[in-house]
């Protein structure tokens, strides 16, 4: 299908939007220490479906504001405290609104 003139105009906006997001991803990983959490034993029978990336302080703030989550111990010798959260709640409109407000404060 050949692009029409209106599509090309929208493409410029989409390209600009995408470039901003690419810069944010580059900033997250370039010359910074990162930590990746994974569990090979628990998930060995499943496929990796997606990867979520959060700034640690933002994720902490979101979890602290959630009304429901489950705290469990895990990791080596059960020395780590982990929070199990419902993904629907994580991406609810209330959480997204709170994130935007937090992001605008910076």
PDB file of N, CA and C in Angstrom:
ATOM      1  N   UNK A   1       0.843  -1.178   0.000  1.00  0.00           N
ATOM      2  CA  UNK A   1       0.000   0.000   0.000  1.00  0.00           C
ATOM      3  C   UNK A   1       0.885   1.237   0.000  1.00  0.00           C
ATOM      4  N   UNK A   2       0.648   2.118  -0.925  1.00  0.00           N
ATOM      5  CA  UNK A   2       1.441   3.330  -1.063  1.00  0.00           C
ATOM      6  C   UNK A   2       0.982   4.373  -0.035  1.00  0.00           C
ATOM      7  N   UNK A   3       1.938   4.983   0.707  1.00  0.00           N
ATOM      8  CA  UNK A   3       1.537   5.990   1.693  1.00  0.00           C
ATOM      9  C   UNK A   3       0.941   7.224   1.010  1.00  0.00           C
ATOM     10  N   UNK A   4      -0.049   7.783   1.674  1.00  0.00           N
ATOM     11  CA  UNK A   4      -0.651   9.005   1.154  1.00  0.00           C
ATOM     12  C   UNK A   4      -0.047  10.203   1.877  1.00  0.00           C
ATOM     13  N   UNK A   5      -0.288  11.381   1.346  1.00  0.00           N
ATOM     14  CA  UNK A   5       0.320  12.606   1.874  1.00  0.00           C
ATOM     15  C   UNK A   5       0.011  12.793   3.363  1.00  0.00           C
ATOM     16  N   UNK A   6      -1.229  12.514   3.782  1.00  0.00           N
ATOM     17  CA  UNK A   6      -1.609  12.679   5.185  1.00  0.00           C
ATOM     18  C   UNK A   6      -0.796  11.759   6.095  1.00  0.00           C
ATOM     19  N   UNK A   7      -0.503  10.545   5.627  1.00  0.00           N
ATOM     20  CA  UNK A   7       0.291   9.596   6.408  1.00  0.00           C
ATOM     21  C   UNK A   7       1.707  10.116   6.628  1.00  0.00           C
ATOM     22  N   UNK A   8       2.273  10.753   5.604  1.00  0.00           N
ATOM     23  CA  UNK A   8       3.642  11.274   5.732  1.00  0.00           C
ATOM     24  C   UNK A   8       3.699  12.378   6.780  1.00  0.00           C
ATOM     25  N   UNK A   9       2.671  13.223   6.859  1.00  0.00           N
ATOM     26  CA  UNK A   9       2.648  14.283   7.866  1.00  0.00           C
ATOM     27  C   UNK A   9       2.623  13.675   9.264  1.00  0.00           C
ATOM     28  N   UNK A  10       1.820  12.664   9.452  1.00  0.00           N
ATOM     29  CA  UNK A  10       1.726  11.996  10.752  1.00  0.00           C
ATOM     30  C   UNK A  10       3.037  11.272  11.083  1.00  0.00           C
ATOM     31  N   UNK A  11       3.707  10.773  10.056  1.00  0.00           N
ATOM     32  CA  UNK A  11       4.967  10.075  10.267  1.00  0.00           C
ATOM     33  C   UNK A  11       5.988  10.978  10.953  1.00  0.00           C
ATOM     34  N   UNK A  12       6.070  12.234  10.567  1.00  0.00           N
ATOM     35  CA  UNK A  12       7.008  13.172  11.194  1.00  0.00           C
ATOM     36  C   UNK A  12       6.755  13.288  12.688  1.00  0.00           C
ATOM     37  N   UNK A  13       5.481  13.368  13.063  1.00  0.00           N
ATOM     38  CA  UNK A  13       5.128  13.461  14.481  1.00  0.00           C
ATOM     39  C   UNK A  13       5.500  12.165  15.195  1.00  0.00           C
ATOM     40  N   UNK A  14       5.157  11.026  14.583  1.00  0.00           N
ATOM     41  CA  UNK A  14       5.487   9.733  15.180  1.00  0.00           C
ATOM     42  C   UNK A  14       6.995   9.537  15.310  1.00  0.00           C
ATOM     43  N   UNK A  15       7.745   9.968  14.299  1.00  0.00           N
ATOM     44  CA  UNK A  15       9.204   9.840  14.343  1.00  0.00           C
ATOM     45  C   UNK A  15       9.775  10.671  15.483  1.00  0.00           C
ATOM     46  N   UNK A  16       9.276  11.878  15.653  1.00  0.00           N
ATOM     47  CA  UNK A  16       9.744  12.739  16.746  1.00  0.00           C
ATOM     48  C   UNK A  16       9.435  12.108  18.099  1.00  0.00           C
ATOM     49  N   UNK A  17       8.228  11.602  18.254  1.00  0.00           N
ATOM     50  CA  UNK A  17       7.810  10.944  19.496  1.00  0.00           C
ATOM     51  C   UNK A  17       8.711   9.734  19.780  1.00  0.00           C
ATOM     52  N   UNK A  18       8.946   8.923  18.753  1.00  0.00           N
ATOM     53  CA  UNK A  18       9.796   7.741  18.906  1.00  0.00           C
ATOM     54  C   UNK A  18      11.228   8.106  19.244  1.00  0.00           C
ATOM     55  N   UNK A  19      11.756   9.160  18.643  1.00  0.00           N
ATOM     56  CA  UNK A  19      13.132   9.592  18.914  1.00  0.00           C
ATOM     57  C   UNK A  19      13.308  10.007  20.380  1.00  0.00           C
ATOM     58  N   UNK A  20      12.303  10.685  20.925  1.00  0.00           N
ATOM     59  CA  UNK A  20      12.358  11.085  22.336  1.00  0.00           C
ATOM     60  C   UNK A  20      12.418   9.841  23.219  1.00  0.00           C
ATOM     61  N   UNK A  21      11.605   8.830  22.908  1.00  0.00           N
ATOM     62  CA  UNK A  21      11.598   7.590  23.702  1.00  0.00           C
ATOM     63  C   UNK A  21      12.919   6.845  23.562  1.00  0.00           C
ATOM     64  N   UNK A  22      13.487   6.844  22.371  1.00  0.00           N
ATOM     65  CA  UNK A  22      14.788   6.201  22.176  1.00  0.00           C
ATOM     66  C   UNK A  22      15.851   6.873  23.037  1.00  0.00           C
ATOM     67  N   UNK A  23      15.829   8.192  23.090  1.00  0.00           N
ATOM     68  CA  UNK A  23      16.794   8.923  23.919  1.00  0.00           C
ATOM     69  C   UNK A  23      16.629   8.570  25.394  1.00  0.00           C
ATOM     70  N   UNK A  24      15.383   8.397  25.840  1.00  0.00           N
ATOM     71  CA  UNK A  24      15.146   8.022  27.239  1.00  0.00           C
ATOM     72  C   UNK A  24      15.719   6.636  27.540  1.00  0.00           C
ATOM     73  N   UNK A  25      15.552   5.703  26.603  1.00  0.00           N
ATOM     74  CA  UNK A  25      16.088   4.352  26.793  1.00  0.00           C
ATOM     75  C   UNK A  25      17.612   4.390  26.810  1.00  0.00           C
ATOM     76  N   UNK A  26      18.206   5.129  25.901  1.00  0.00           N
ATOM     77  CA  UNK A  26      19.665   5.265  25.862  1.00  0.00           C
ATOM     78  C   UNK A  26      20.170   5.837  27.178  1.00  0.00           C
ATOM     79  N   UNK A  27      19.488   6.871  27.686  1.00  0.00           N
ATOM     80  CA  UNK A  27      19.878   7.499  28.942  1.00  0.00           C
ATOM     81  C   UNK A  27      19.799   6.515  30.112  1.00  0.00           C
ATOM     82  N   UNK A  28      18.800   5.616  30.077  1.00  0.00           N
ATOM     83  CA  UNK A  28      18.656   4.646  31.169  1.00  0.00           C
ATOM     84  C   UNK A  28      19.840   3.683  31.251  1.00  0.00           C
ATOM     85  N   UNK A  29      20.404   3.320  30.109  1.00  0.00           N
ATOM     86  CA  UNK A  29      21.411   2.268  30.092  1.00  0.00           C
ATOM     87  C   UNK A  29      22.843   2.741  29.884  1.00  0.00           C
ATOM     88  N   UNK A  30      23.036   3.896  29.326  1.00  0.00           N
ATOM     89  CA  UNK A  30      24.368   4.348  28.978  1.00  0.00           C
ATOM     90  C   UNK A  30      25.149   4.754  30.220  1.00  0.00           C
ATOM     91  N   UNK A  31      26.263   4.093  30.433  1.00  0.00           N
ATOM     92  CA  UNK A  31      27.181   4.406  31.528  1.00  0.00           C
ATOM     93  C   UNK A  31      26.512   4.404  32.901  1.00  0.00           C
ATOM     94  N   UNK A  32      25.541   3.542  33.090  1.00  0.00           N
ATOM     95  CA  UNK A  32      24.872   3.441  34.379  1.00  0.00           C
ATOM     96  C   UNK A  32      24.859   1.994  34.822  1.00  0.00           C
ATOM     97  N   UNK A  33      24.850   1.825  36.114  1.00  0.00           N
ATOM     98  CA  UNK A  33      24.746   0.485  36.668  1.00  0.00           C
ATOM     99  C   UNK A  33      23.287   0.056  36.620  1.00  0.00           C
ATOM    100  N   UNK A  34      23.043  -1.144  36.121  1.00  0.00           N
ATOM    101  CA  UNK A  34      21.688  -1.662  36.094  1.00  0.00           C
ATOM    102  C   UNK A  34      21.658  -3.009  36.798  1.00  0.00           C
ATOM    103  N   UNK A  35      20.478  -3.400  37.213  1.00  0.00           N
ATOM    104  CA  UNK A  35      20.301  -4.696  37.849  1.00  0.00           C
ATOM    105  C   UNK A  35      19.165  -5.407  37.146  1.00  0.00           C
ATOM    106  N   UNK A  36      19.403  -6.640  36.745  1.00  0.00           N
ATOM    107  CA  UNK A  36      18.398  -7.440  36.061  1.00  0.00           C
ATOM    108  C   UNK A  36      18.006  -8.581  36.981  1.00  0.00           C
ATOM    109  N   UNK A  37      16.702  -8.717  37.204  1.00  0.00           N
ATOM    110  CA  UNK A  37      16.193  -9.797  38.040  1.00  0.00           C
ATOM    111  C   UNK A  37      15.619 -10.873  37.138  1.00  0.00           C
ATOM    112  N   UNK A  38      15.973 -12.094  37.430  1.00  0.00           N
ATOM    113  CA  UNK A  38      15.484 -13.222  36.645  1.00  0.00           C
ATOM    114  C   UNK A  38      15.441 -14.447  37.539  1.00  0.00           C
ATOM    115  N   UNK A  39      14.660 -15.408  37.150  1.00  0.00           N
ATOM    116  CA  UNK A  39      14.558 -16.649  37.918  1.00  0.00           C
ATOM    117  C   UNK A  39      14.506 -17.811  36.944  1.00  0.00           C
ATOM    118  N   UNK A  40      15.616 -18.531  36.820  1.00  0.00           N
ATOM    119  CA  UNK A  40      15.652 -19.605  35.829  1.00  0.00           C
ATOM    120  C   UNK A  40      14.880 -20.839  36.275  1.00  0.00           C
ATOM    121  N   UNK A  41      14.882 -21.151  37.544  1.00  0.00           N
ATOM    122  CA  UNK A  41      14.205 -22.363  38.000  1.00  0.00           C
ATOM    123  C   UNK A  41      12.687 -22.228  37.946  1.00  0.00           C
ATOM    124  N   UNK A  42      12.186 -21.130  38.458  1.00  0.00           N
ATOM    125  CA  UNK A  42      10.742 -20.945  38.536  1.00  0.00           C
ATOM    126  C   UNK A  42      10.103 -20.812  37.158  1.00  0.00           C
ATOM    127  N   UNK A  43      10.799 -20.192  36.228  1.00  0.00           N
ATOM    128  CA  UNK A  43      10.215 -19.911  34.924  1.00  0.00           C
ATOM    129  C   UNK A  43      10.759 -20.802  33.808  1.00  0.00           C
ATOM    130  N   UNK A  44      11.441 -21.878  34.160  1.00  0.00           N
ATOM    131  CA  UNK A  44      12.086 -22.680  33.125  1.00  0.00           C
ATOM    132  C   UNK A  44      11.102 -23.334  32.154  1.00  0.00           C
ATOM    133  N   UNK A  45       9.856 -23.498  32.565  1.00  0.00           N
ATOM    134  CA  UNK A  45       8.873 -24.114  31.668  1.00  0.00           C
ATOM    135  C   UNK A  45       8.051 -23.090  30.898  1.00  0.00           C
ATOM    136  N   UNK A  46       8.340 -21.821  31.073  1.00  0.00           N
ATOM    137  CA  UNK A  46       7.568 -20.782  30.383  1.00  0.00           C
ATOM    138  C   UNK A  46       8.462 -20.018  29.425  1.00  0.00           C
ATOM    139  N   UNK A  47       7.825 -19.264  28.539  1.00  0.00           N
ATOM    140  CA  UNK A  47       8.582 -18.429  27.599  1.00  0.00           C
ATOM    141  C   UNK A  47       8.604 -16.999  28.085  1.00  0.00           C
ATOM    142  N   UNK A  48       9.680 -16.282  27.743  1.00  0.00           N
ATOM    143  CA  UNK A  48       9.736 -14.862  28.063  1.00  0.00           C
ATOM    144  C   UNK A  48       8.782 -14.136  27.119  1.00  0.00           C
ATOM    145  N   UNK A  49       7.814 -13.465  27.685  1.00  0.00           N
ATOM    146  CA  UNK A  49       6.791 -12.788  26.885  1.00  0.00           C
ATOM    147  C   UNK A  49       7.121 -11.317  26.678  1.00  0.00           C
ATOM    148  N   UNK A  50       7.641 -10.687  27.725  1.00  0.00           N
ATOM    149  CA  UNK A  50       7.996  -9.284  27.613  1.00  0.00           C
ATOM    150  C   UNK A  50       8.981  -8.930  28.720  1.00  0.00           C
ATOM    151  N   UNK A  51       9.537  -7.762  28.620  1.00  0.00           N
ATOM    152  CA  UNK A  51      10.443  -7.239  29.633  1.00  0.00           C
ATOM    153  C   UNK A  51       9.961  -5.852  30.008  1.00  0.00           C
ATOM    154  N   UNK A  52       9.828  -5.605  31.292  1.00  0.00           N
ATOM    155  CA  UNK A  52       9.417  -4.290  31.777  1.00  0.00           C
ATOM    156  C   UNK A  52      10.621  -3.617  32.403  1.00  0.00           C
ATOM    157  N   UNK A  53      10.795  -2.341  32.114  1.00  0.00           N
ATOM    158  CA  UNK A  53      11.924  -1.591  32.645  1.00  0.00           C
ATOM    159  C   UNK A  53      11.381  -0.391  33.418  1.00  0.00           C
ATOM    160  N   UNK A  54      11.819  -0.273  34.675  1.00  0.00           N
ATOM    161  CA  UNK A  54      11.395   0.835  35.526  1.00  0.00           C
ATOM    162  C   UNK A  54      12.616   1.480  36.159  1.00  0.00           C
ATOM    163  N   UNK A  55      12.538   2.773  36.387  1.00  0.00           N
ATOM    164  CA  UNK A  55      13.511   3.405  37.258  1.00  0.00           C
ATOM    165  C   UNK A  55      13.166   2.927  38.665  1.00  0.00           C
ATOM    166  N   UNK A  56      14.177   2.531  39.423  1.00  0.00           N
ATOM    167  CA  UNK A  56      13.948   1.941  40.734  1.00  0.00           C
ATOM    168  C   UNK A  56      13.103   2.832  41.629  1.00  0.00           C
ATOM    169  N   UNK A  57      13.442   4.127  41.686  1.00  0.00           N
ATOM    170  CA  UNK A  57      12.705   5.017  42.587  1.00  0.00           C
ATOM    171  C   UNK A  57      11.249   5.173  42.159  1.00  0.00           C
ATOM    172  N   UNK A  58      10.986   5.111  40.870  1.00  0.00           N
ATOM    173  CA  UNK A  58       9.609   5.216  40.383  1.00  0.00           C
ATOM    174  C   UNK A  58       8.831   3.958  40.759  1.00  0.00           C
ATOM    175  N   UNK A  59       9.431   2.791  40.543  1.00  0.00           N
ATOM    176  CA  UNK A  59       8.749   1.547  40.885  1.00  0.00           C
ATOM    177  C   UNK A  59       8.470   1.464  42.384  1.00  0.00           C
ATOM    178  N   UNK A  60       9.429   1.863  43.206  1.00  0.00           N
ATOM    179  CA  UNK A  60       9.205   1.877  44.659  1.00  0.00           C
ATOM    180  C   UNK A  60       8.021   2.769  45.015  1.00  0.00           C
ATOM    181  N   UNK A  61       7.974   3.941  44.414  1.00  0.00           N
ATOM    182  CA  UNK A  61       6.898   4.878  44.686  1.00  0.00           C
ATOM    183  C   UNK A  61       5.543   4.297  44.272  1.00  0.00           C
ATOM    184  N   UNK A  62       5.507   3.665  43.118  1.00  0.00           N
ATOM    185  CA  UNK A  62       4.260   3.057  42.636  1.00  0.00           C
ATOM    186  C   UNK A  62       3.805   1.957  43.586  1.00  0.00           C
ATOM    187  N   UNK A  63       4.708   1.059  43.956  1.00  0.00           N
ATOM    188  CA  UNK A  63       4.343  -0.062  44.832  1.00  0.00           C
ATOM    189  C   UNK A  63       3.896   0.450  46.197  1.00  0.00           C
ATOM    190  N   UNK A  64       4.572   1.451  46.718  1.00  0.00           N
ATOM    191  CA  UNK A  64       4.183   2.008  48.021  1.00  0.00           C
ATOM    192  C   UNK A  64       2.779   2.602  47.996  1.00  0.00           C
ATOM    193  N   UNK A  65       2.353   3.112  46.832  1.00  0.00           N
ATOM    194  CA  UNK A  65       1.030   3.722  46.722  1.00  0.00           C
ATOM    195  C   UNK A  65      -0.079   2.728  46.376  1.00  0.00           C
ATOM    196  N   UNK A  66       0.286   1.514  46.005  1.00  0.00           N
ATOM    197  CA  UNK A  66      -0.733   0.524  45.666  1.00  0.00           C
ATOM    198  C   UNK A  66      -1.468   0.081  46.919  1.00  0.00           C
ATOM    199  N   UNK A  67      -2.761  -0.182  46.770  1.00  0.00           N
ATOM    200  CA  UNK A  67      -3.529  -0.617  47.927  1.00  0.00           C
ATOM    201  C   UNK A  67      -3.433  -2.123  48.162  1.00  0.00           C
ATOM    202  N   UNK A  68      -3.032  -2.869  47.143  1.00  0.00           N
ATOM    203  CA  UNK A  68      -2.897  -4.312  47.320  1.00  0.00           C
ATOM    204  C   UNK A  68      -1.626  -4.824  46.665  1.00  0.00           C
ATOM    205  N   UNK A  69      -0.878  -5.571  47.412  1.00  0.00           N
ATOM    206  CA  UNK A  69       0.273  -6.307  46.910  1.00  0.00           C
ATOM    207  C   UNK A  69       0.598  -7.364  47.956  1.00  0.00           C
ATOM    208  N   UNK A  70       1.390  -8.313  47.572  1.00  0.00           N
ATOM    209  CA  UNK A  70       1.782  -9.379  48.490  1.00  0.00           C
ATOM    210  C   UNK A  70       3.289  -9.314  48.675  1.00  0.00           C
ATOM    211  N   UNK A  71       3.727  -9.319  49.909  1.00  0.00           N
ATOM    212  CA  UNK A  71       5.153  -9.308  50.221  1.00  0.00           C
ATOM    213  C   UNK A  71       5.604 -10.736  50.489  1.00  0.00           C
ATOM    214  N   UNK A  72       6.680 -11.146  49.830  1.00  0.00           N
ATOM    215  CA  UNK A  72       7.221 -12.491  50.010  1.00  0.00           C
ATOM    216  C   UNK A  72       8.739 -12.420  50.137  1.00  0.00           C
ATOM    217  N   UNK A  73       9.318 -13.453  50.708  1.00  0.00           N
ATOM    218  CA  UNK A  73      10.773 -13.569  50.779  1.00  0.00           C
ATOM    219  C   UNK A  73      11.242 -14.493  49.667  1.00  0.00           C
ATOM    220  N   UNK A  74      12.413 -14.210  49.128  1.00  0.00           N
ATOM    221  CA  UNK A  74      12.922 -15.058  48.063  1.00  0.00           C
ATOM    222  C   UNK A  74      14.388 -14.780  47.815  1.00  0.00           C
ATOM    223  N   UNK A  75      14.883 -15.302  46.727  1.00  0.00           N
ATOM    224  CA  UNK A  75      16.290 -15.130  46.408  1.00  0.00           C
ATOM    225  C   UNK A  75      17.146 -16.095  47.199  1.00  0.00           C
ATOM    226  N   UNK A  76      18.446 -15.853  47.171  1.00  0.00           N
ATOM    227  CA  UNK A  76      19.372 -16.723  47.886  1.00  0.00           C
ATOM    228  C   UNK A  76      19.074 -16.698  49.382  1.00  0.00           C
ATOM    229  N   UNK A  77      18.867 -17.861  49.946  1.00  0.00           N
ATOM    230  CA  UNK A  77      18.558 -18.016  51.372  1.00  0.00           C
ATOM    231  C   UNK A  77      17.359 -17.175  51.813  1.00  0.00           C
ATOM    232  N   UNK A  78      16.482 -16.881  50.891  1.00  0.00           N
ATOM    233  CA  UNK A  78      15.279 -16.078  51.177  1.00  0.00           C
ATOM    234  C   UNK A  78      15.621 -14.755  51.863  1.00  0.00           C
ATOM    235  N   UNK A  79      16.723 -14.159  51.437  1.00  0.00           N
ATOM    236  CA  UNK A  79      17.212 -12.924  52.057  1.00  0.00           C
ATOM    237  C   UNK A  79      16.618 -11.666  51.420  1.00  0.00           C
ATOM    238  N   UNK A  80      15.902 -11.817  50.320  1.00  0.00           N
ATOM    239  CA  UNK A  80      15.348 -10.646  49.628  1.00  0.00           C
ATOM    240  C   UNK A  80      13.851 -10.526  49.894  1.00  0.00           C
ATOM    241  N   UNK A  81      13.411  -9.293  50.084  1.00  0.00           N
ATOM    242  CA  UNK A  81      11.985  -9.015  50.229  1.00  0.00           C
ATOM    243  C   UNK A  81      11.460  -8.619  48.860  1.00  0.00           C
ATOM    244  N   UNK A  82      10.409  -9.297  48.414  1.00  0.00           N
ATOM    245  CA  UNK A  82       9.861  -9.029  47.086  1.00  0.00           C
ATOM    246  C   UNK A  82       8.388  -8.699  47.206  1.00  0.00           C
ATOM    247  N   UNK A  83       7.901  -7.962  46.230  1.00  0.00           N
ATOM    248  CA  UNK A  83       6.503  -7.589  46.197  1.00  0.00           C
ATOM    249  C   UNK A  83       5.861  -8.176  44.945  1.00  0.00           C
ATOM    250  N   UNK A  84       4.797  -8.924  45.133  1.00  0.00           N
ATOM    251  CA  UNK A  84       4.032  -9.459  44.017  1.00  0.00           C
ATOM    252  C   UNK A  84       2.849  -8.525  43.801  1.00  0.00           C
ATOM    253  N   UNK A  85       2.737  -8.023  42.580  1.00  0.00           N
ATOM    254  CA  UNK A  85       1.664  -7.079  42.301  1.00  0.00           C
ATOM    255  C   UNK A  85       0.889  -7.526  41.070  1.00  0.00           C
ATOM    256  N   UNK A  86      -0.356  -7.178  41.041  1.00  0.00           N
ATOM    257  CA  UNK A  86      -1.222  -7.481  39.924  1.00  0.00           C
ATOM    258  C   UNK A  86      -0.879  -6.520  38.783  1.00  0.00           C
ATOM    259  N   UNK A  87      -0.562  -7.047  37.616  1.00  0.00           N
ATOM    260  CA  UNK A  87      -0.170  -6.192  36.488  1.00  0.00           C
ATOM    261  C   UNK A  87      -1.292  -5.254  36.057  1.00  0.00           C
ATOM    262  N   UNK A  88      -2.544  -5.685  36.206  1.00  0.00           N
ATOM    263  CA  UNK A  88      -3.645  -4.780  35.870  1.00  0.00           C
ATOM    264  C   UNK A  88      -3.636  -3.565  36.784  1.00  0.00           C
ATOM    265  N   UNK A  89      -3.327  -3.781  38.052  1.00  0.00           N
ATOM    266  CA  UNK A  89      -3.244  -2.648  38.982  1.00  0.00           C
ATOM    267  C   UNK A  89      -2.025  -1.786  38.665  1.00  0.00           C
ATOM    268  N   UNK A  90      -0.912  -2.415  38.300  1.00  0.00           N
ATOM    269  CA  UNK A  90       0.301  -1.673  37.982  1.00  0.00           C
ATOM    270  C   UNK A  90       0.066  -0.692  36.834  1.00  0.00           C
ATOM    271  N   UNK A  91      -0.755  -1.089  35.871  1.00  0.00           N
ATOM    272  CA  UNK A  91      -1.005  -0.247  34.712  1.00  0.00           C
ATOM    273  C   UNK A  91      -2.395   0.384  34.721  1.00  0.00           C
ATOM    274  N   UNK A  92      -2.973   0.512  35.901  1.00  0.00           N
ATOM    275  CA  UNK A  92      -4.286   1.152  36.011  1.00  0.00           C
ATOM    276  C   UNK A  92      -4.166   2.647  35.750  1.00  0.00           C
ATOM    277  N   UNK A  93      -5.267   3.279  35.440  1.00  0.00           N
ATOM    278  CA  UNK A  93      -5.254   4.713  35.150  1.00  0.00           C
ATOM    279  C   UNK A  93      -4.809   5.523  36.363  1.00  0.00           C
ATOM    280  N   UNK A  94      -5.149   5.079  37.578  1.00  0.00           N
ATOM    281  CA  UNK A  94      -4.722   5.793  38.789  1.00  0.00           C
ATOM    282  C   UNK A  94      -3.206   5.781  38.942  1.00  0.00           C
ATOM    283  N   UNK A  95      -2.597   4.637  38.689  1.00  0.00           N
ATOM    284  CA  UNK A  95      -1.138   4.520  38.811  1.00  0.00           C
ATOM    285  C   UNK A  95      -0.453   5.350  37.733  1.00  0.00           C
ATOM    286  N   UNK A  96      -0.960   5.303  36.529  1.00  0.00           N
ATOM    287  CA  UNK A  96      -0.367   6.076  35.437  1.00  0.00           C
ATOM    288  C   UNK A  96      -0.475   7.568  35.735  1.00  0.00           C
ATOM    289  N   UNK A  97      -1.619   8.004  36.262  1.00  0.00           N
ATOM    290  CA  UNK A  97      -1.797   9.415  36.628  1.00  0.00           C
ATOM    291  C   UNK A  97      -0.795   9.815  37.713  1.00  0.00           C
ATOM    292  N   UNK A  98      -0.625   8.957  38.730  1.00  0.00           N
ATOM    293  CA  UNK A  98       0.330   9.246  39.808  1.00  0.00           C
ATOM    294  C   UNK A  98       1.751   9.313  39.268  1.00  0.00           C
ATOM    295  N   UNK A  99       2.091   8.420  38.323  1.00  0.00           N
ATOM    296  CA  UNK A  99       3.425   8.435  37.717  1.00  0.00           C
ATOM    297  C   UNK A  99       3.660   9.749  36.978  1.00  0.00           C
ATOM    298  N   UNK A 100       2.668  10.180  36.213  1.00  0.00           N
ATOM    299  CA  UNK A 100       2.819  11.430  35.461  1.00  0.00           C
ATOM    300  C   UNK A 100       3.027  12.602  36.390  1.00  0.00           C
ATOM    301  N   UNK A 101       2.288  12.614  37.512  1.00  0.00           N
ATOM    302  CA  UNK A 101       2.462  13.685  38.493  1.00  0.00           C
ATOM    303  C   UNK A 101       3.861  13.634  39.096  1.00  0.00           C
ATOM    304  N   UNK A 102       4.341  12.433  39.411  1.00  0.00           N
ATOM    305  CA  UNK A 102       5.692  12.265  39.961  1.00  0.00           C
ATOM    306  C   UNK A 102       6.734  12.704  38.945  1.00  0.00           C
ATOM    307  N   UNK A 103       6.553  12.336  37.693  1.00  0.00           N
ATOM    308  CA  UNK A 103       7.489  12.672  36.629  1.00  0.00           C
ATOM    309  C   UNK A 103       7.519  14.191  36.396  1.00  0.00           C
ATOM    310  N   UNK A 104       6.379  14.851  36.526  1.00  0.00           N
ATOM    311  CA  UNK A 104       6.321  16.295  36.318  1.00  0.00           C
ATOM    312  C   UNK A 104       6.973  17.076  37.452  1.00  0.00           C
ATOM    313  N   UNK A 105       7.087  16.459  38.629  1.00  0.00           N
ATOM    314  CA  UNK A 105       7.727  17.127  39.773  1.00  0.00           C
ATOM    315  C   UNK A 105       9.232  17.251  39.591  1.00  0.00           C
ATOM    316  N   UNK A 106       9.797  16.411  38.733  1.00  0.00           N
ATOM    317  CA  UNK A 106      11.262  16.393  38.555  1.00  0.00           C
ATOM    318  C   UNK A 106      11.717  17.503  37.663  1.00  0.00           C
TER     319      UNK A 106
END
